């Protein structure tokens, strides 16, 4: 069985909250798109946390389940659950071999989690993972700096741009938002 990869997950934060999107393409090897409508962005912990994943599909689901368990263990505290998952991920021989990344957020915080134990909060409220991640960050930063669009509109427009450029990203996009309470 070949690894299935290829996706773009993008998160943008503004004064109103966080918007996250992920495309639906699953790729077999470097040449075959085998699924177009996969859902790689999901809500967790009473719908307050949004989690997107990129990488090997089976590995990503394993991490997704582990992250969900950490959220339950730490009462929905995004930062604490992320740090504890990263510790386990880095320290466990089985988990260390997983080839995936998570992009997680609540209404206030965006974090990127990797198997090397990284828990990274972007300086500018824009983060992306996956094969189209660099394109997504570039598009989102340009729109953020030169327009007055909302985070959700920036995410939508940026993902459309990435779908035009990255062969591992399609235009079947799932959007989720975590609005800040007024």
Protein backbone atom coordinates (compact mmCIF):
# COMPACT_ATOMS: atom_id res chain seq x y z
CA UNK A 1 0.00 0.00 0.00
CA UNK A 2 1.35 3.40 -0.93
CA UNK A 3 1.14 6.42 1.31
CA UNK A 4 -1.68 8.76 0.47
CA UNK A 5 -0.69 12.42 0.64
CA UNK A 6 -1.22 15.83 -0.75
CA UNK A 7 -3.32 18.55 0.76
CA UNK A 8 -3.41 22.12 1.96
CA UNK A 9 -4.70 23.22 5.37
CA UNK A 10 -4.77 26.99 6.01
CA UNK A 11 -5.66 28.97 9.15
CA UNK A 12 -6.03 32.74 9.47
CA UNK A 13 -6.82 34.69 12.64
CA UNK A 14 -8.30 38.18 12.87
CA UNK A 15 -10.05 40.24 15.55
CA UNK A 16 -13.24 38.19 15.07
CA UNK A 17 -11.70 34.72 15.47
CA UNK A 18 -10.07 32.02 13.37
CA UNK A 19 -11.00 30.52 10.02
CA UNK A 20 -9.53 27.21 8.81
CA UNK A 21 -9.93 25.42 5.50
CA UNK A 22 -8.66 22.21 3.98
CA UNK A 23 -9.04 20.80 0.51
CA UNK A 24 -10.39 17.32 -0.17
CA UNK A 25 -7.81 15.72 -2.44
CA UNK A 26 -6.15 12.43 -1.51
CA UNK A 27 -3.30 11.42 -3.79
CA UNK A 28 -1.79 7.99 -4.36
CA UNK A 29 1.91 8.40 -5.09
CA UNK A 30 2.86 11.40 -7.19
CA UNK A 31 0.38 11.04 -10.02
CA UNK A 32 -3.07 9.72 -9.09
CA UNK A 33 -5.83 11.62 -7.30
CA UNK A 34 -7.95 8.87 -5.75
CA UNK A 35 -10.40 10.92 -3.69
CA UNK A 36 -11.64 14.46 -4.13
CA UNK A 37 -13.97 15.05 -1.19
CA UNK A 38 -12.03 13.92 1.89
CA UNK A 39 -12.75 15.91 5.05
CA UNK A 40 -9.40 16.89 6.57
CA UNK A 41 -10.71 19.70 8.79
CA UNK A 42 -12.88 18.74 11.74
CA UNK A 43 -14.33 20.17 14.92
CA UNK A 44 -13.36 18.74 18.29
CA UNK A 45 -14.10 19.25 21.96
CA UNK A 46 -17.66 20.55 22.00
CA UNK A 47 -17.08 22.17 18.58
CA UNK A 48 -14.70 24.74 20.15
CA UNK A 49 -11.49 23.37 18.60
CA UNK A 50 -10.77 22.98 14.89
CA UNK A 51 -8.17 20.48 13.70
CA UNK A 52 -6.77 20.02 10.20
CA UNK A 53 -4.29 17.36 9.19
CA UNK A 54 -1.84 16.72 6.37
CA UNK A 55 0.39 13.78 5.54
CA UNK A 56 -0.20 10.07 5.45
CA UNK A 57 -3.93 9.56 5.95
CA UNK A 58 -3.69 6.67 8.43
CA UNK A 59 -1.01 8.48 10.44
CA UNK A 60 -3.05 11.67 10.49
CA UNK A 61 -6.10 9.83 11.86
CA UNK A 62 -3.95 8.29 14.60
CA UNK A 63 -2.72 11.75 15.63
CA UNK A 64 -6.20 13.20 15.35
CA UNK A 65 -7.50 10.60 17.83
CA UNK A 66 -4.57 11.17 20.20
CA UNK A 67 -5.13 14.94 20.07
CA UNK A 68 -8.83 14.49 20.77
CA UNK A 69 -7.96 12.39 23.85
CA UNK A 70 -5.54 15.10 25.07
CA UNK A 71 -8.23 17.75 24.67
CA UNK A 72 -10.57 15.67 26.83
CA UNK A 73 -7.82 15.07 29.38
CA UNK A 74 -7.03 18.80 29.68
CA UNK A 75 -10.57 20.18 29.55
CA UNK A 76 -10.31 21.68 26.05
CA UNK A 77 -7.14 23.68 26.83
CA UNK A 78 -5.68 23.92 23.32
CA UNK A 79 -2.13 24.88 24.28
CA UNK A 80 -1.76 22.31 27.06
CA UNK A 81 -3.25 19.50 24.95
CA UNK A 82 -0.95 20.45 22.05
CA UNK A 83 2.20 20.50 24.19
CA UNK A 84 1.34 17.17 25.81
CA UNK A 85 0.63 15.57 22.41
CA UNK A 86 3.95 16.90 21.09
CA UNK A 87 5.79 15.42 24.09
CA UNK A 88 4.18 12.02 23.50
CA UNK A 89 4.73 12.25 19.76
CA UNK A 90 8.43 13.07 20.16
CA UNK A 91 9.03 10.51 22.90
CA UNK A 92 7.10 7.47 21.69
CA UNK A 93 8.93 5.15 19.28
CA UNK A 94 5.73 4.26 17.38
CA UNK A 95 4.32 7.79 17.21
CA UNK A 96 7.68 9.23 16.12
CA UNK A 97 7.40 7.32 12.85
CA UNK A 98 4.05 8.88 11.95
CA UNK A 99 4.25 11.08 8.86
CA UNK A 100 1.68 13.78 9.41
CA UNK A 101 1.20 17.27 10.79
CA UNK A 102 -1.70 18.91 12.58
CA UNK A 103 -2.92 22.50 12.38
CA UNK A 104 -5.14 23.21 15.38
CA UNK A 105 -7.00 26.30 16.55
CA UNK A 106 -9.60 27.78 18.80
CA UNK A 107 -11.01 31.32 18.59
CA UNK A 108 -7.80 32.83 20.01
CA UNK A 109 -4.86 30.63 19.00
CA UNK A 110 -3.46 28.80 15.96
CA UNK A 111 -0.81 26.09 16.48
CA UNK A 112 1.15 23.85 14.12
CA UNK A 113 2.15 20.45 15.58
CA UNK A 114 4.81 18.17 14.15
CA UNK A 115 6.42 14.85 15.00
CA UNK A 116 9.68 16.52 15.96
CA UNK A 117 7.91 17.91 19.01
CA UNK A 118 7.29 21.33 17.54
CA UNK A 119 4.35 23.38 18.76
CA UNK A 120 4.52 26.58 16.73
CA UNK A 121 2.23 29.59 17.02
CA UNK A 122 2.60 31.86 13.97
CA UNK A 123 3.65 35.45 14.66
CA UNK A 124 1.17 36.94 12.21
CA UNK A 125 -1.92 34.77 12.67
CA UNK A 126 -1.39 32.91 9.37
CA UNK A 127 -0.32 29.27 9.23
CA UNK A 128 -0.55 26.40 6.77
CA UNK A 129 0.57 22.80 6.42
CA UNK A 130 0.65 20.31 3.57
CA UNK A 131 1.99 20.35 0.06
CA UNK A 132 0.33 23.68 -0.77
CA UNK A 133 1.14 25.28 2.57
CA UNK A 134 3.74 27.76 1.32
CA UNK A 135 1.42 28.93 -1.46
CA UNK A 136 -1.44 29.32 1.00
CA UNK A 137 0.63 31.38 3.45
CA UNK A 138 1.89 33.63 0.65
CA UNK A 139 -1.61 34.25 -0.71
CA UNK A 140 -3.10 34.82 2.76
CA UNK A 141 -0.36 37.23 3.81
CA UNK A 142 -0.73 39.24 0.60
CA UNK A 143 -4.50 39.47 1.02
CA UNK A 144 -4.18 40.32 4.70
CA UNK A 145 -1.68 43.11 4.09
CA UNK A 146 -3.42 44.69 1.11
CA UNK A 147 -7.15 44.21 1.71
CA UNK A 148 -9.68 44.59 4.50
CA UNK A 149 -11.10 41.09 4.00
CA UNK A 150 -12.18 38.97 6.97
CA UNK A 151 -10.16 35.92 7.99
CA UNK A 152 -12.81 33.68 6.45
CA UNK A 153 -12.73 35.55 3.12
CA UNK A 154 -8.92 35.47 3.11
CA UNK A 155 -8.96 31.72 3.69
CA UNK A 156 -11.53 31.18 0.92
CA UNK A 157 -9.67 33.28 -1.65
CA UNK A 158 -6.26 31.88 -0.69
CA UNK A 159 -7.43 28.28 -1.00
CA UNK A 160 -8.83 29.05 -4.46
CA UNK A 161 -5.42 30.41 -5.47
CA UNK A 162 -3.62 27.34 -4.09
CA UNK A 163 -5.97 25.01 -6.00
CA UNK A 164 -4.88 26.76 -9.21
CA UNK A 165 -1.16 26.25 -8.45
CA UNK A 166 -0.62 23.07 -6.38
CA UNK A 167 -1.34 19.78 -8.16
CA UNK A 168 -1.91 18.11 -4.76
CA UNK A 169 -4.66 20.56 -3.79
CA UNK A 170 -8.16 20.70 -5.25
CA UNK A 171 -11.11 23.09 -4.99
CA UNK A 172 -13.32 20.81 -2.84
CA UNK A 173 -12.70 22.85 0.29
CA UNK A 174 -14.13 22.47 3.80
CA UNK A 175 -14.29 25.69 5.85
CA UNK A 176 -14.69 25.99 9.61
CA UNK A 177 -14.63 29.07 11.83
CA UNK A 178 -14.10 29.63 15.54
CA UNK A 179 -15.57 33.08 16.26
CA UNK A 180 -14.53 35.08 19.28
CA UNK A 181 -17.28 35.81 21.74
CA UNK A 182 -18.21 39.47 21.72
